[in-house]
Amino acid sequence: MSALSFRWARLHELIAPEWHSVMAAREAVFIVEQNCPYQDADALDAQSWHLLGSVDGTLAAYLRVVDPGRKSVHAGVFYAEPSIGRVLTAAAFRGKGYGQQLMREGIAGCDRLYPGQGIRISAQSYLLAFYRALGFVALGDEYDEDGIPHFEMRRD
């Protein structure tokens, strides 16, 4: 297995072909594969760090880290912590441990950028074990987000 080559960037630092690859991957996973029509590109993209994981120059995995105080999944309630979201591994790269590599880099990046703040996520319920293995703890009850069951999780 090859290691991912990581690039952290704010939206304005990404060049058009990079952002196109990100949006194509997000649409393929979250809209087409999960059959979930929703507004994927949102205002949070401009208030986030974007982590691109590539193999031989091809986007293999991606996540974004939304700045503290910006992410809300419950009306009027915003996460005080940074929030990791839009976590994906492109279909052609699955089963190789890239999701773990990506999340470890995402967690390390949050620790560097926002020391001592912890991390909060809105995790799809079927991925609870994946996130628990990375130190996240489920909070509260399951809820619906865009027609998919989720749990709020936090990592100190």
Protein backbone atom coordinates (compact mmCIF):
# COMPACT_ATOMS: atom_id res chain seq x y z
CA MET A 1 0.00 0.00 0.00
CA SER A 2 1.29 3.43 -0.92
CA ALA A 3 1.07 6.22 1.61
CA LEU A 4 -1.12 9.17 0.79
CA SER A 5 0.54 12.43 -0.16
CA PHE A 6 -1.27 15.15 1.79
CA ARG A 7 -2.04 18.76 0.94
CA TRP A 8 -3.72 21.12 3.39
CA ALA A 9 -5.25 24.26 1.86
CA ARG A 10 -7.89 26.90 2.28
CA LEU A 11 -10.37 27.12 -0.57
CA HIS A 12 -8.71 30.18 -2.13
CA GLU A 13 -5.36 28.33 -2.22
CA LEU A 14 -6.64 25.43 -4.30
CA ILE A 15 -6.24 25.61 -8.06
CA ALA A 16 -9.25 24.90 -10.27
CA PRO A 17 -8.25 21.31 -11.23
CA GLU A 18 -7.76 20.41 -7.54
CA TRP A 19 -11.15 21.82 -6.54
CA HIS A 20 -12.80 20.11 -9.51
CA SER A 21 -11.35 16.76 -8.35
CA VAL A 22 -12.63 17.38 -4.82
CA MET A 23 -16.13 18.30 -5.95
CA ALA A 24 -16.33 15.38 -8.39
CA ALA A 25 -15.30 12.98 -5.60
CA ARG A 26 -17.76 14.50 -3.10
CA GLU A 27 -20.61 14.28 -5.61
CA ALA A 28 -19.71 10.69 -6.55
CA VAL A 29 -19.74 9.53 -2.93
CA PHE A 30 -22.30 11.66 -1.12
CA ILE A 31 -24.85 12.31 -3.85
CA VAL A 32 -24.60 9.46 -6.38
CA GLU A 33 -23.44 6.46 -4.28
CA GLN A 34 -25.51 7.36 -1.24
CA ASN A 35 -28.45 8.48 -3.39
CA CYS A 36 -28.76 11.62 -1.29
CA PRO A 37 -29.64 14.78 -3.20
CA TYR A 38 -28.52 17.74 -1.10
CA GLN A 39 -26.52 20.94 -1.51
CA ASP A 40 -22.97 19.64 -1.12
CA ALA A 41 -21.06 22.80 -2.05
CA ASP A 42 -21.91 25.21 0.74
CA ALA A 43 -20.75 28.35 2.50
CA LEU A 44 -18.67 26.24 4.90
CA ASP A 45 -16.21 25.39 2.11
CA ALA A 46 -14.88 28.95 2.37
CA GLN A 47 -14.58 28.61 6.18
CA SER A 48 -12.69 25.34 6.14
CA TRP A 49 -9.35 23.72 5.69
CA HIS A 50 -9.37 21.13 2.93
CA LEU A 51 -7.21 18.02 3.22
CA LEU A 52 -6.51 16.27 -0.08
CA GLY A 53 -4.90 12.84 -0.01
CA SER A 54 -3.39 11.79 -3.33
CA VAL A 55 -1.73 8.70 -4.76
CA ASP A 56 0.52 9.31 -7.76
CA GLY A 57 -1.13 12.69 -8.36
CA THR A 58 -4.72 11.36 -8.25
CA LEU A 59 -7.14 12.36 -5.50
CA ALA A 60 -7.77 9.24 -3.42
CA ALA A 61 -9.21 10.67 -0.19
CA TYR A 62 -10.52 13.96 1.14
CA LEU A 63 -11.92 15.69 4.19
CA ARG A 64 -12.60 19.21 5.32
CA VAL A 65 -12.12 20.82 8.72
CA VAL A 66 -14.69 23.51 9.43
CA ASP A 67 -13.45 26.32 11.65
CA PRO A 68 -14.67 26.36 15.28
CA GLY A 69 -18.05 28.03 15.79
CA ARG A 70 -19.15 27.59 12.15
CA LYS A 71 -20.62 24.05 11.88
CA SER A 72 -24.21 23.39 12.90
CA VAL A 73 -26.29 20.26 12.43
CA HIS A 74 -28.97 21.22 14.96
CA ALA A 75 -30.83 24.48 14.30
CA GLY A 76 -29.09 27.38 16.00
CA VAL A 77 -26.48 25.21 17.78
CA PHE A 78 -22.90 25.56 16.55
CA TYR A 79 -19.95 23.34 17.41
CA ALA A 80 -17.43 25.19 19.59
CA GLU A 81 -14.73 22.84 18.28
CA PRO A 82 -13.38 22.40 14.78
CA SER A 83 -15.42 19.84 12.86
CA ILE A 84 -14.15 17.20 10.47
CA GLY A 85 -16.59 16.35 7.71
CA ARG A 86 -17.07 15.29 4.08
CA VAL A 87 -14.70 12.39 4.80
CA LEU A 88 -14.33 10.14 1.76
CA THR A 89 -12.16 7.64 0.00
CA ALA A 90 -12.70 7.44 -3.76
CA ALA A 91 -14.12 4.08 -4.87
CA ALA A 92 -10.99 3.03 -6.76
CA PHE A 93 -8.87 3.47 -3.61
CA ARG A 94 -11.00 1.74 -0.97
CA GLY A 95 -9.85 -1.20 1.12
CA LYS A 96 -6.26 0.05 1.35
CA GLY A 97 -6.35 1.86 4.70
CA TYR A 98 -6.48 5.32 3.18
CA GLY A 99 -9.47 6.33 5.29
CA GLN A 100 -7.47 5.68 8.46
CA GLN A 101 -4.45 7.56 7.09
CA LEU A 102 -6.65 10.48 6.09
CA MET A 103 -8.36 10.71 9.47
CA ARG A 104 -5.09 10.45 11.38
CA GLU A 105 -3.72 13.35 9.34
CA GLY A 106 -6.99 15.28 9.83
CA ILE A 107 -6.83 14.79 13.60
CA ALA A 108 -3.16 15.81 13.69
CA GLY A 109 -3.97 18.90 11.62
CA CYS A 110 -6.77 19.90 14.01
CA ASP A 111 -4.38 19.47 16.94
CA ARG A 112 -1.85 21.78 15.22
CA LEU A 113 -4.35 24.37 14.02
CA TYR A 114 -6.64 24.38 17.07
CA PRO A 115 -4.62 23.05 20.02
CA GLY A 116 -6.59 21.81 23.02
CA GLN A 117 -10.01 22.35 21.41
CA GLY A 118 -11.00 18.76 20.63
CA ILE A 119 -12.89 17.80 17.48
CA ARG A 120 -16.61 17.29 16.88
CA ILE A 121 -18.12 15.37 13.96
CA SER A 122 -21.48 14.35 12.60
CA ALA A 123 -20.82 10.68 11.80
CA GLN A 124 -22.93 8.42 9.66
CA SER A 125 -24.20 5.73 12.03
CA TYR A 126 -22.74 2.81 10.09
CA LEU A 127 -19.26 4.30 10.64
CA LEU A 128 -19.41 4.51 14.46
CA ALA A 129 -16.83 1.73 14.96
CA PHE A 130 -14.44 3.40 12.50
CA TYR A 131 -14.59 6.70 14.38
CA ARG A 132 -14.51 5.05 17.83
CA ALA A 133 -11.25 3.36 16.84
CA LEU A 134 -9.86 6.88 16.22
CA GLY A 135 -10.84 8.07 19.71
CA PHE A 136 -14.26 9.61 19.04
CA VAL A 137 -17.13 9.09 21.51
CA ALA A 138 -20.81 9.21 20.52
CA LEU A 139 -22.91 11.93 22.17
CA GLY A 140 -26.69 11.82 22.50
CA ASP A 141 -29.15 10.01 20.29
CA GLU A 142 -29.12 9.12 16.62
CA TYR A 143 -30.57 11.81 14.33
CA ASP A 144 -31.41 12.23 10.67
CA GLU A 145 -29.19 14.37 8.49
CA ASP A 146 -30.22 14.55 4.83
CA GLY A 147 -32.09 11.24 5.12
CA ILE A 148 -29.11 9.34 6.60
CA PRO A 149 -28.83 8.29 10.27
CA HIS A 150 -26.01 10.10 12.13
CA PHE A 151 -24.50 10.48 15.59
CA GLU A 152 -22.72 13.49 16.96
CA MET A 153 -19.26 12.44 18.16
CA ARG A 154 -16.43 14.20 19.98
CA ARG A 155 -12.74 13.55 20.41
CA ASP A 156 -10.90 15.34 23.22
